[in-house]
C-alpha cells in the first residue's frame, strides 16, 4: 500500500450580524391663527317731509298777499270802468232813440240807482286750494361683508434615522491541515 497524504481543508466562514436601521418621523401640528372681522350693516332712514302749500286757500279766504290782491282789484276796476262806459254808451243810444216806446228817461236812467259792486279781491274757493306734497327718501343701506384672515404656520416633519448594527466577523478561519501517512518504522 502506498502511503496517502491526507489534506483536510476548513473553509473560512464570515459571520455577519446586521440589524435594520429605524426611521422615526414626527410632524408637529401646524399653527393656525384666524381673525374674523364681522360684517356690518348700517341703515340710515330719513323722516318723510310733508309740504303744505296754503297760499291759494289764504287767497280765497283773505285775498292773499297784498301784491296779488292789489293786482286783482286793479284789473277788476278796469273791468268795472269798461262796463260803466259800455252802459253809458247804451244809455246814450237809448236816449237818442227816445221816440221808441220804452225808451223814456225814467226807464233809461231810473235803473241806474243800484250801487256798483267793488271788484272781488279774493280767488274762488275750491277744495283744490291746498296743495299737499309728501317727499320720501329711500333709506341709505351700507353693507360691509365679513372678512377672514387665516395664517397657517406649517411645521416641517422631524425625521430621525437610527443606524442599524452591522458586525462582520470571522466565524471560522480557513485552514489547511496536512496529515502525513503513517510511516512504518519497523523496517
N, C-alpha and C. Protein backbone atom coordinates (compact mmCIF):
# COMPACT_ATOMS: atom_id res chain seq x y z
N UNK A 1 0.81 -1.16 0.00
CA UNK A 1 0.00 0.00 0.00
C UNK A 1 0.86 1.23 0.00
N UNK A 2 0.35 2.04 -0.65
CA UNK A 2 1.10 3.29 -0.75
C UNK A 2 0.63 4.24 0.31
N UNK A 3 1.55 4.93 0.77
CA UNK A 3 1.10 5.90 1.79
C UNK A 3 0.28 7.00 1.14
N UNK A 4 -0.75 7.49 1.84
CA UNK A 4 -1.65 8.54 1.34
C UNK A 4 -1.51 9.73 2.26
N UNK A 5 -1.29 10.79 1.59
CA UNK A 5 -1.22 12.07 2.32
C UNK A 5 -2.64 12.60 2.40
N UNK A 6 -3.07 12.91 3.56
CA UNK A 6 -4.41 13.46 3.73
C UNK A 6 -4.33 14.97 3.88
N UNK A 7 -5.21 15.63 3.16
CA UNK A 7 -5.29 17.10 3.28
C UNK A 7 -6.72 17.41 3.71
N UNK A 8 -6.78 18.04 4.80
CA UNK A 8 -8.11 18.49 5.27
C UNK A 8 -8.15 20.02 5.20
N UNK A 9 -9.16 20.46 4.56
CA UNK A 9 -9.28 21.92 4.39
C UNK A 9 -10.55 22.37 5.09
N UNK A 10 -10.45 23.42 5.84
CA UNK A 10 -11.62 24.03 6.51
C UNK A 10 -11.85 25.39 5.84
N UNK A 11 -13.02 25.57 5.34
CA UNK A 11 -13.26 26.86 4.68
C UNK A 11 -13.39 27.98 5.71
N UNK A 12 -13.15 29.17 5.22
CA UNK A 12 -13.32 30.34 6.08
C UNK A 12 -14.82 30.67 6.14
N UNK A 13 -15.29 31.00 7.28
CA UNK A 13 -16.71 31.40 7.44
C UNK A 13 -16.73 32.82 8.02
N UNK A 14 -17.41 33.66 7.32
CA UNK A 14 -17.57 35.04 7.81
C UNK A 14 -18.94 35.14 8.46
N UNK A 15 -18.98 35.68 9.63
CA UNK A 15 -20.26 35.89 10.32
C UNK A 15 -20.70 37.35 10.16
N UNK A 16 -21.92 37.55 9.79
CA UNK A 16 -22.49 38.91 9.65
C UNK A 16 -23.70 38.98 10.55
N UNK A 17 -23.66 39.95 11.45
CA UNK A 17 -24.80 40.19 12.33
C UNK A 17 -25.31 41.59 11.99
N UNK A 18 -26.48 41.69 11.40
CA UNK A 18 -27.00 43.00 10.95
C UNK A 18 -28.40 43.21 11.50
N UNK A 19 -28.61 44.37 12.03
CA UNK A 19 -29.95 44.81 12.43
C UNK A 19 -30.32 45.98 11.51
N UNK A 20 -31.59 46.05 11.11
CA UNK A 20 -32.03 47.13 10.23
C UNK A 20 -32.03 48.46 10.98
N UNK A 21 -31.82 49.52 10.21
CA UNK A 21 -31.94 50.85 10.80
C UNK A 21 -33.41 51.21 11.01
N UNK A 22 -33.68 52.22 11.83
CA UNK A 22 -35.06 52.61 12.11
C UNK A 22 -35.24 54.10 11.82
N UNK A 23 -36.38 54.37 11.17
CA UNK A 23 -36.79 55.76 10.93
C UNK A 23 -37.79 56.16 11.99
N UNK A 24 -37.65 57.38 12.45
CA UNK A 24 -38.64 57.95 13.37
C UNK A 24 -39.09 59.27 12.73
N UNK A 25 -40.36 59.31 12.35
CA UNK A 25 -40.90 60.51 11.71
C UNK A 25 -41.97 61.08 12.61
N UNK A 26 -41.82 62.36 12.90
CA UNK A 26 -42.80 63.05 13.76
C UNK A 26 -43.06 64.41 13.12
N UNK A 27 -44.33 64.76 12.99
CA UNK A 27 -44.66 66.06 12.42
C UNK A 27 -45.56 66.80 13.40
N UNK A 28 -45.06 67.91 13.94
CA UNK A 28 -45.90 68.69 14.85
C UNK A 28 -47.08 69.30 14.09
N UNK A 29 -48.14 69.55 14.80
CA UNK A 29 -49.31 70.14 14.18
C UNK A 29 -49.00 71.56 13.73
N UNK A 30 -49.66 71.96 12.67
CA UNK A 30 -49.48 73.32 12.16
C UNK A 30 -50.18 74.30 13.10
N UNK A 31 -49.62 75.52 13.21
CA UNK A 31 -50.25 76.58 14.00
C UNK A 31 -51.15 77.39 13.08
N UNK A 32 -52.40 77.46 13.45
CA UNK A 32 -53.38 78.21 12.66
C UNK A 32 -53.89 79.35 13.50
N UNK A 33 -53.74 80.56 12.97
CA UNK A 33 -54.33 81.72 13.64
C UNK A 33 -55.32 82.35 12.67
N UNK A 34 -56.52 82.59 13.16
CA UNK A 34 -57.58 83.09 12.30
C UNK A 34 -58.24 84.28 12.97
N UNK A 35 -58.34 85.39 12.25
CA UNK A 35 -59.04 86.57 12.74
C UNK A 35 -60.18 86.86 11.77
N UNK A 36 -61.32 87.15 12.34
CA UNK A 36 -62.51 87.43 11.53
C UNK A 36 -63.02 88.81 11.88
N UNK A 37 -63.23 89.61 10.86
CA UNK A 37 -63.88 90.91 11.04
C UNK A 37 -65.35 90.71 10.71
N UNK A 38 -66.24 90.97 11.67
CA UNK A 38 -67.65 90.69 11.39
C UNK A 38 -68.21 91.65 10.34
N UNK A 39 -69.27 91.22 9.71
CA UNK A 39 -69.92 92.08 8.73
C UNK A 39 -70.66 93.21 9.46
N UNK A 40 -70.84 94.32 8.75
CA UNK A 40 -71.53 95.47 9.33
C UNK A 40 -72.64 95.90 8.40
N UNK A 41 -73.78 96.19 8.98
CA UNK A 41 -74.93 96.68 8.23
C UNK A 41 -75.34 98.00 8.84
N UNK A 42 -75.29 99.06 8.04
CA UNK A 42 -75.70 100.38 8.51
C UNK A 42 -76.91 100.83 7.70
N UNK A 43 -77.92 101.25 8.41
CA UNK A 43 -79.14 101.74 7.75
C UNK A 43 -79.43 103.13 8.30
N UNK A 44 -79.50 104.10 7.41
CA UNK A 44 -79.91 105.45 7.77
C UNK A 44 -81.26 105.69 7.12
N UNK A 45 -82.26 105.89 7.97
CA UNK A 45 -83.60 106.10 7.45
C UNK A 45 -83.99 107.54 7.70
N UNK A 46 -84.59 108.15 6.71
CA UNK A 46 -84.95 109.56 6.76
C UNK A 46 -86.45 109.70 6.98
N UNK A 47 -86.79 110.72 7.75
CA UNK A 47 -88.20 111.00 8.00
C UNK A 47 -88.83 111.58 6.74
N UNK A 48 -90.05 111.20 6.43
CA UNK A 48 -90.71 111.83 5.27
C UNK A 48 -90.97 113.30 5.57
N UNK A 49 -90.93 114.11 4.52
CA UNK A 49 -91.15 115.54 4.67
C UNK A 49 -92.52 115.88 4.09
N UNK A 50 -93.31 116.58 4.89
CA UNK A 50 -94.65 116.99 4.49
C UNK A 50 -94.61 118.46 4.13
N UNK A 51 -95.02 118.79 2.91
CA UNK A 51 -95.07 120.17 2.45
C UNK A 51 -96.53 120.52 2.19
N UNK A 52 -97.01 121.55 2.87
CA UNK A 52 -98.38 122.00 2.71
C UNK A 52 -98.33 123.44 2.18
N UNK A 53 -98.92 123.66 1.01
CA UNK A 53 -98.96 124.99 0.40
C UNK A 53 -100.39 125.50 0.50
N UNK A 54 -100.60 126.51 1.37
CA UNK A 54 -101.94 127.05 1.61
C UNK A 54 -102.12 128.43 1.00
N UNK A 55 -101.25 128.81 0.09
CA UNK A 55 -101.35 130.17 -0.46
C UNK A 55 -102.65 130.37 -1.22
N UNK A 56 -103.14 129.36 -1.95
CA UNK A 56 -104.41 129.50 -2.68
C UNK A 56 -105.59 129.57 -1.70
N UNK A 57 -105.51 128.81 -0.59
CA UNK A 57 -106.58 128.87 0.41
C UNK A 57 -106.60 130.23 1.08
N UNK A 58 -105.41 130.77 1.42
CA UNK A 58 -105.36 132.13 2.01
C UNK A 58 -105.87 133.16 1.03
N UNK A 59 -105.55 132.94 -0.25
CA UNK A 59 -106.02 133.87 -1.26
C UNK A 59 -107.54 133.82 -1.37
N UNK A 60 -108.15 132.64 -1.17
CA UNK A 60 -109.61 132.53 -1.23
C UNK A 60 -110.26 133.09 0.03
N UNK A 61 -109.58 133.00 1.20
CA UNK A 61 -110.16 133.50 2.44
C UNK A 61 -109.94 135.00 2.63
N UNK A 62 -108.69 135.43 2.50
CA UNK A 62 -108.35 136.81 2.85
C UNK A 62 -107.86 137.65 1.68
N UNK A 63 -107.71 137.04 0.52
CA UNK A 63 -107.18 137.78 -0.61
C UNK A 63 -105.72 137.50 -0.87
N UNK A 64 -105.05 136.85 0.05
CA UNK A 64 -103.65 136.51 -0.15
C UNK A 64 -102.73 137.67 0.17
N UNK A 65 -101.57 137.69 -0.47
CA UNK A 65 -100.63 138.78 -0.19
C UNK A 65 -101.09 140.07 -0.88
N UNK A 66 -100.54 141.16 -0.46
CA UNK A 66 -101.03 142.48 -0.91
C UNK A 66 -100.78 142.71 -2.40
N UNK A 67 -99.70 142.23 -2.92
CA UNK A 67 -99.38 142.46 -4.34
C UNK A 67 -100.41 141.77 -5.23
N UNK A 68 -100.71 140.49 -4.92
CA UNK A 68 -101.69 139.76 -5.73
C UNK A 68 -103.09 140.35 -5.55
N UNK A 69 -103.42 140.70 -4.29
CA UNK A 69 -104.74 141.27 -4.03
C UNK A 69 -104.90 142.61 -4.76
N UNK A 70 -103.90 143.47 -4.75
CA UNK A 70 -103.97 144.75 -5.46
C UNK A 70 -104.07 144.54 -6.96
N UNK A 71 -103.38 143.53 -7.49
CA UNK A 71 -103.47 143.25 -8.92
C UNK A 71 -104.89 142.84 -9.30
N UNK A 72 -105.56 142.01 -8.44
CA UNK A 72 -106.94 141.62 -8.73
C UNK A 72 -107.88 142.82 -8.64
N UNK A 73 -107.68 143.67 -7.65
CA UNK A 73 -108.54 144.86 -7.52
C UNK A 73 -108.34 145.78 -8.72
N UNK A 74 -107.09 145.97 -9.13
CA UNK A 74 -106.80 146.87 -10.25
C UNK A 74 -107.44 146.35 -11.53
N UNK A 75 -107.30 145.05 -11.82
CA UNK A 75 -107.90 144.51 -13.04
C UNK A 75 -109.43 144.53 -12.93
N UNK A 76 -109.98 144.34 -11.71
CA UNK A 76 -111.43 144.41 -11.52
C UNK A 76 -111.96 145.82 -11.74
N UNK A 77 -111.21 146.84 -11.30
CA UNK A 77 -111.65 148.24 -11.50
C UNK A 77 -111.61 148.57 -12.99
N UNK A 78 -110.60 148.06 -13.69
CA UNK A 78 -110.56 148.30 -15.14
C UNK A 78 -111.78 147.68 -15.81
N UNK A 79 -112.15 146.46 -15.40
CA UNK A 79 -113.35 145.84 -15.97
C UNK A 79 -114.60 146.65 -15.64
N UNK A 80 -114.71 147.11 -14.36
CA UNK A 80 -115.87 147.93 -13.97
C UNK A 80 -115.92 149.23 -14.76
N UNK A 81 -114.75 149.84 -15.00
CA UNK A 81 -114.69 151.09 -15.74
C UNK A 81 -115.16 150.87 -17.18
N UNK A 82 -114.69 149.79 -17.81
CA UNK A 82 -115.11 149.50 -19.18
C UNK A 82 -116.59 149.14 -19.25
N UNK A 83 -117.10 148.42 -18.22
CA UNK A 83 -118.53 148.11 -18.18
C UNK A 83 -119.35 149.38 -18.00
N UNK A 84 -118.83 150.31 -17.18
CA UNK A 84 -119.54 151.60 -16.97
C UNK A 84 -119.60 152.40 -18.25
N UNK A 85 -118.52 152.44 -18.99
CA UNK A 85 -118.51 153.16 -20.26
C UNK A 85 -119.50 152.52 -21.23
N UNK A 86 -119.49 151.17 -21.28
CA UNK A 86 -120.42 150.49 -22.18
C UNK A 86 -121.86 150.76 -21.78
N UNK A 87 -122.16 150.82 -20.49
CA UNK A 87 -123.51 151.10 -20.02
C UNK A 87 -123.92 152.54 -20.38
N UNK A 88 -122.99 153.49 -20.23
CA UNK A 88 -123.30 154.90 -20.56
C UNK A 88 -123.54 155.05 -22.07
N UNK A 89 -122.76 154.31 -22.87
CA UNK A 89 -122.99 154.38 -24.32
C UNK A 89 -124.35 153.81 -24.66
N UNK A 90 -124.70 152.69 -24.01
CA UNK A 90 -126.02 152.10 -24.27
C UNK A 90 -127.14 153.05 -23.83
N UNK A 91 -126.96 153.66 -22.66
CA UNK A 91 -127.98 154.61 -22.20
C UNK A 91 -128.08 155.80 -23.15
N UNK A 92 -126.92 156.25 -23.66
CA UNK A 92 -126.95 157.37 -24.63
C UNK A 92 -127.64 156.97 -25.91
N UNK A 93 -127.41 155.73 -26.38
CA UNK A 93 -128.07 155.26 -27.59
C UNK A 93 -129.58 155.16 -27.37
N UNK A 94 -130.00 154.71 -26.18
CA UNK A 94 -131.43 154.64 -25.88
C UNK A 94 -132.04 156.03 -25.77
N UNK A 95 -131.25 156.97 -25.20
CA UNK A 95 -131.77 158.35 -25.09
C UNK A 95 -131.88 158.98 -26.48
N UNK A 96 -131.02 158.62 -27.39
CA UNK A 96 -131.11 159.16 -28.75
C UNK A 96 -132.32 158.58 -29.46
N UNK A 97 -132.73 157.39 -29.05
CA UNK A 97 -133.91 156.78 -29.65
C UNK A 97 -135.08 156.93 -28.71
N UNK A 98 -135.31 158.13 -28.19
CA UNK A 98 -136.37 158.38 -27.21
C UNK A 98 -137.75 158.25 -27.82
N UNK A 99 -137.80 158.32 -29.13
CA UNK A 99 -139.09 158.22 -29.81
C UNK A 99 -139.63 156.78 -29.80
N UNK A 100 -138.81 155.83 -29.47
CA UNK A 100 -139.26 154.44 -29.42
C UNK A 100 -139.91 154.23 -28.06
N UNK A 101 -141.08 153.59 -28.03
CA UNK A 101 -141.72 153.36 -26.74
C UNK A 101 -140.84 152.50 -25.84
N UNK A 102 -140.80 152.78 -24.59
CA UNK A 102 -139.99 152.06 -23.61
C UNK A 102 -138.64 152.73 -23.41
N UNK A 103 -138.32 153.76 -24.20
CA UNK A 103 -137.06 154.46 -24.03
C UNK A 103 -137.32 155.81 -23.39
N UNK A 104 -138.07 155.81 -22.34
CA UNK A 104 -138.30 157.08 -21.64
C UNK A 104 -137.11 157.35 -20.75
N UNK A 105 -137.00 158.59 -20.33
CA UNK A 105 -135.87 158.97 -19.48
C UNK A 105 -135.95 158.22 -18.16
N UNK A 106 -137.17 158.04 -17.68
CA UNK A 106 -137.32 157.31 -16.42
C UNK A 106 -136.86 155.86 -16.59
N UNK A 107 -137.15 155.26 -17.75
CA UNK A 107 -136.72 153.87 -17.98
C UNK A 107 -135.21 153.78 -18.18
N UNK A 108 -134.67 154.79 -18.85
CA UNK A 108 -133.25 154.72 -19.16
C UNK A 108 -132.41 154.97 -17.92
N UNK A 109 -132.69 156.08 -17.20
CA UNK A 109 -131.84 156.45 -16.06
C UNK A 109 -132.41 156.01 -14.72
N UNK A 110 -133.64 155.48 -14.73
CA UNK A 110 -134.24 155.06 -13.48
C UNK A 110 -133.65 153.76 -12.95
N UNK A 111 -132.98 152.99 -13.77
CA UNK A 111 -132.38 151.73 -13.35
C UNK A 111 -130.96 151.92 -12.84
N UNK A 112 -130.48 153.14 -12.86
CA UNK A 112 -129.08 153.39 -12.50
C UNK A 112 -128.90 153.66 -11.02
N UNK A 113 -129.85 153.32 -10.22
CA UNK A 113 -129.75 153.62 -8.80
C UNK A 113 -129.01 152.53 -8.03
N UNK A 114 -128.82 151.32 -8.63
CA UNK A 114 -128.13 150.22 -7.95
C UNK A 114 -126.65 150.56 -7.80
N UNK A 115 -126.05 150.29 -6.60
CA UNK A 115 -124.62 150.57 -6.45
C UNK A 115 -123.77 149.56 -7.25
N UNK A 116 -122.63 150.02 -7.71
CA UNK A 116 -121.71 149.16 -8.46
C UNK A 116 -120.88 148.38 -7.44
N UNK A 117 -120.88 147.07 -7.53
CA UNK A 117 -120.13 146.30 -6.54
C UNK A 117 -118.61 146.51 -6.72
N UNK A 118 -117.91 146.45 -5.55
CA UNK A 118 -116.44 146.55 -5.56
C UNK A 118 -115.89 145.27 -6.18
N UNK A 119 -114.81 145.35 -6.95
CA UNK A 119 -114.29 144.13 -7.57
C UNK A 119 -113.86 143.09 -6.53
N UNK A 120 -114.04 141.84 -6.87
CA UNK A 120 -113.68 140.74 -5.96
C UNK A 120 -112.16 140.66 -5.87
N UNK A 121 -111.65 140.74 -4.65
CA UNK A 121 -110.20 140.70 -4.45
C UNK A 121 -109.73 139.31 -4.01
N UNK A 122 -110.68 138.39 -3.80
CA UNK A 122 -110.32 137.02 -3.42
C UNK A 122 -110.44 136.11 -4.64
N UNK A 123 -109.68 134.99 -4.55
CA UNK A 123 -109.78 133.99 -5.61
C UNK A 123 -110.93 133.06 -5.30
N UNK A 124 -111.40 132.31 -6.27
CA UNK A 124 -112.52 131.40 -6.00
C UNK A 124 -112.13 130.31 -5.00
N UNK A 125 -113.06 129.98 -4.14
CA UNK A 125 -112.82 128.91 -3.17
C UNK A 125 -113.01 127.56 -3.86
N UNK A 126 -112.10 126.63 -3.51
CA UNK A 126 -112.16 125.30 -4.11
C UNK A 126 -111.52 124.32 -3.14
N UNK A 127 -111.89 123.07 -3.31
CA UNK A 127 -111.27 122.08 -2.43
C UNK A 127 -109.84 121.77 -2.87
N UNK A 128 -109.43 122.24 -4.02
CA UNK A 128 -108.06 122.02 -4.51
C UNK A 128 -107.14 123.18 -4.16
N UNK A 129 -107.55 124.06 -3.25
CA UNK A 129 -106.74 125.23 -2.93
C UNK A 129 -105.55 124.90 -2.02
N UNK A 130 -105.55 123.73 -1.39
CA UNK A 130 -104.44 123.35 -0.52
C UNK A 130 -103.66 122.24 -1.23
N UNK A 131 -102.37 122.51 -1.49
CA UNK A 131 -101.51 121.51 -2.12
C UNK A 131 -100.71 120.80 -1.03
N UNK A 132 -100.81 119.48 -1.02
CA UNK A 132 -100.08 118.67 -0.05
C UNK A 132 -99.12 117.77 -0.84
N UNK A 133 -97.85 117.83 -0.43
CA UNK A 133 -96.83 117.01 -1.09
C UNK A 133 -96.01 116.33 0.00
N UNK A 134 -95.82 115.04 -0.16
CA UNK A 134 -95.01 114.27 0.79
C UNK A 134 -93.76 113.79 0.05
N UNK A 135 -92.60 114.21 0.54
CA UNK A 135 -91.33 113.78 -0.04
C UNK A 135 -90.74 112.69 0.83
N UNK A 136 -90.48 111.57 0.22
CA UNK A 136 -89.84 110.47 0.95
C UNK A 136 -88.51 110.16 0.27
N UNK A 137 -87.56 109.81 1.07
CA UNK A 137 -86.25 109.38 0.57
C UNK A 137 -86.04 107.94 0.96
N UNK A 138 -85.52 107.16 0.05
CA UNK A 138 -85.26 105.75 0.42
C UNK A 138 -84.14 105.70 1.44
N UNK A 139 -84.13 104.68 2.26
CA UNK A 139 -83.07 104.57 3.27
C UNK A 139 -81.72 104.30 2.62
N UNK A 140 -80.67 104.81 3.26
CA UNK A 140 -79.30 104.51 2.82
C UNK A 140 -78.87 103.23 3.53
N UNK A 141 -78.56 102.21 2.75
CA UNK A 141 -78.16 100.92 3.32
C UNK A 141 -76.73 100.64 2.85
N UNK A 142 -75.85 100.45 3.81
CA UNK A 142 -74.46 100.12 3.50
C UNK A 142 -74.13 98.80 4.20
N UNK A 143 -73.56 97.91 3.42
CA UNK A 143 -73.21 96.60 3.96
C UNK A 143 -71.75 96.33 3.65
N UNK A 144 -71.00 96.01 4.69
CA UNK A 144 -69.62 95.57 4.51
C UNK A 144 -69.56 94.11 4.90
N UNK A 145 -69.09 93.30 3.97
CA UNK A 145 -69.07 91.86 4.23
C UNK A 145 -67.96 91.51 5.21
N UNK A 146 -68.13 90.38 5.83
CA UNK A 146 -67.15 89.91 6.81
C UNK A 146 -65.89 89.44 6.07
N UNK A 147 -64.76 89.64 6.73
CA UNK A 147 -63.50 89.17 6.16
C UNK A 147 -62.84 88.23 7.17
N UNK A 148 -62.17 87.24 6.63
CA UNK A 148 -61.47 86.27 7.47
C UNK A 148 -60.02 86.24 7.02
N UNK A 149 -59.11 86.42 7.99
CA UNK A 149 -57.68 86.36 7.69
C UNK A 149 -57.14 85.13 8.40
N UNK A 150 -56.61 84.20 7.62
CA UNK A 150 -56.11 82.95 8.19
C UNK A 150 -54.61 82.86 7.93
N UNK A 151 -53.85 82.67 9.00
CA UNK A 151 -52.41 82.50 8.91
C UNK A 151 -52.09 81.07 9.35
N UNK A 152 -51.40 80.34 8.51
CA UNK A 152 -51.04 78.96 8.83
C UNK A 152 -49.52 78.86 8.83
N UNK A 153 -48.98 78.40 9.96
CA UNK A 153 -47.53 78.17 10.05
C UNK A 153 -47.33 76.66 10.05
N UNK A 154 -46.79 76.18 8.95
CA UNK A 154 -46.61 74.74 8.77
C UNK A 154 -45.29 74.32 9.43
N UNK A 155 -45.33 73.24 10.17
CA UNK A 155 -44.12 72.69 10.81
C UNK A 155 -43.59 71.57 9.92
N UNK A 156 -42.31 71.63 9.67
CA UNK A 156 -41.68 70.58 8.86
C UNK A 156 -41.63 69.28 9.66
N UNK A 157 -41.71 68.16 8.97
CA UNK A 157 -41.62 66.90 9.70
C UNK A 157 -40.20 66.71 10.25
N UNK A 158 -40.14 66.12 11.42
CA UNK A 158 -38.84 65.82 12.05
C UNK A 158 -38.54 64.34 11.81
N UNK A 159 -37.50 64.12 11.02
CA UNK A 159 -37.15 62.75 10.62
C UNK A 159 -35.82 62.39 11.29
N UNK A 160 -35.84 61.30 12.01
CA UNK A 160 -34.62 60.80 12.64
C UNK A 160 -34.37 59.38 12.14
N UNK A 161 -33.10 59.12 11.88
CA UNK A 161 -32.73 57.78 11.42
C UNK A 161 -31.70 57.23 12.39
N UNK A 162 -31.99 56.08 12.96
CA UNK A 162 -31.05 55.39 13.85
C UNK A 162 -30.45 54.24 13.04
N UNK A 163 -29.13 54.31 12.89
CA UNK A 163 -28.48 53.29 12.09
C UNK A 163 -28.58 51.92 12.76
N UNK A 164 -28.68 50.96 11.93
CA UNK A 164 -28.71 49.58 12.44
C UNK A 164 -27.29 49.11 12.75
N UNK A 165 -27.19 47.96 13.30
CA UNK A 165 -25.89 47.38 13.69
C UNK A 165 -25.44 46.47 12.57
N UNK A 166 -24.16 46.55 12.23
CA UNK A 166 -23.58 45.66 11.25
C UNK A 166 -22.24 45.18 11.80
N UNK A 167 -22.22 43.94 12.22
CA UNK A 167 -20.98 43.33 12.72
C UNK A 167 -20.56 42.26 11.72
N UNK A 168 -19.36 42.41 11.24
CA UNK A 168 -18.79 41.39 10.35
C UNK A 168 -17.59 40.79 11.10
N UNK A 169 -17.59 39.54 11.23
CA UNK A 169 -16.51 38.88 11.98
C UNK A 169 -16.22 37.52 11.34
N UNK A 170 -15.09 37.02 11.73
CA UNK A 170 -14.69 35.70 11.22
C UNK A 170 -15.23 34.65 12.17
N UNK A 171 -16.10 33.89 11.67
CA UNK A 171 -16.68 32.84 12.49
C UNK A 171 -15.73 31.63 12.49
N UNK A 172 -15.09 31.47 11.41
CA UNK A 172 -14.17 30.33 11.31
C UNK A 172 -13.11 30.73 10.29
N UNK A 173 -11.86 30.52 10.70
CA UNK A 173 -10.76 30.85 9.80
C UNK A 173 -10.51 29.67 8.86
N UNK A 174 -10.03 30.01 7.74
CA UNK A 174 -9.69 28.94 6.79
C UNK A 174 -8.41 28.23 7.26
N UNK A 175 -8.41 26.99 7.05
CA UNK A 175 -7.20 26.24 7.47
C UNK A 175 -6.99 25.07 6.51
N UNK A 176 -5.78 24.74 6.41
CA UNK A 176 -5.40 23.57 5.61
C UNK A 176 -4.58 22.67 6.54
N UNK A 177 -4.98 21.47 6.63
CA UNK A 177 -4.28 20.53 7.53
C UNK A 177 -3.76 19.38 6.68
N UNK A 178 -2.50 19.17 6.82
CA UNK A 178 -1.87 18.06 6.09
C UNK A 178 -1.62 16.95 7.09
N UNK A 179 -2.15 15.84 6.82
CA UNK A 179 -1.90 14.67 7.70
C UNK A 179 -1.01 13.71 6.89
N UNK A 180 0.24 13.55 7.37
CA UNK A 180 1.13 12.67 6.64
C UNK A 180 0.74 11.23 6.87
N UNK A 181 1.16 10.40 6.00
CA UNK A 181 0.82 8.99 6.18
C UNK A 181 1.66 8.44 7.34
N UNK A 182 1.16 7.42 7.83
CA UNK A 182 1.92 6.81 8.92
C UNK A 182 3.12 6.07 8.34
N UNK A 183 4.18 6.31 8.90
CA UNK A 183 5.39 5.67 8.38
C UNK A 183 5.61 4.34 9.13
N UNK A 184 6.01 3.46 8.40
CA UNK A 184 6.26 2.19 9.03
C UNK A 184 7.73 2.21 9.46
N UNK A 185 7.95 2.37 10.66
CA UNK A 185 9.30 2.46 11.18
C UNK A 185 9.86 1.07 11.49
N UNK A 186 9.18 0.12 11.37
CA UNK A 186 9.61 -1.21 11.65
C UNK A 186 10.54 -1.70 10.57
N UNK A 187 10.66 -1.26 9.78
CA UNK A 187 11.50 -1.79 8.74
C UNK A 187 12.85 -1.32 8.85
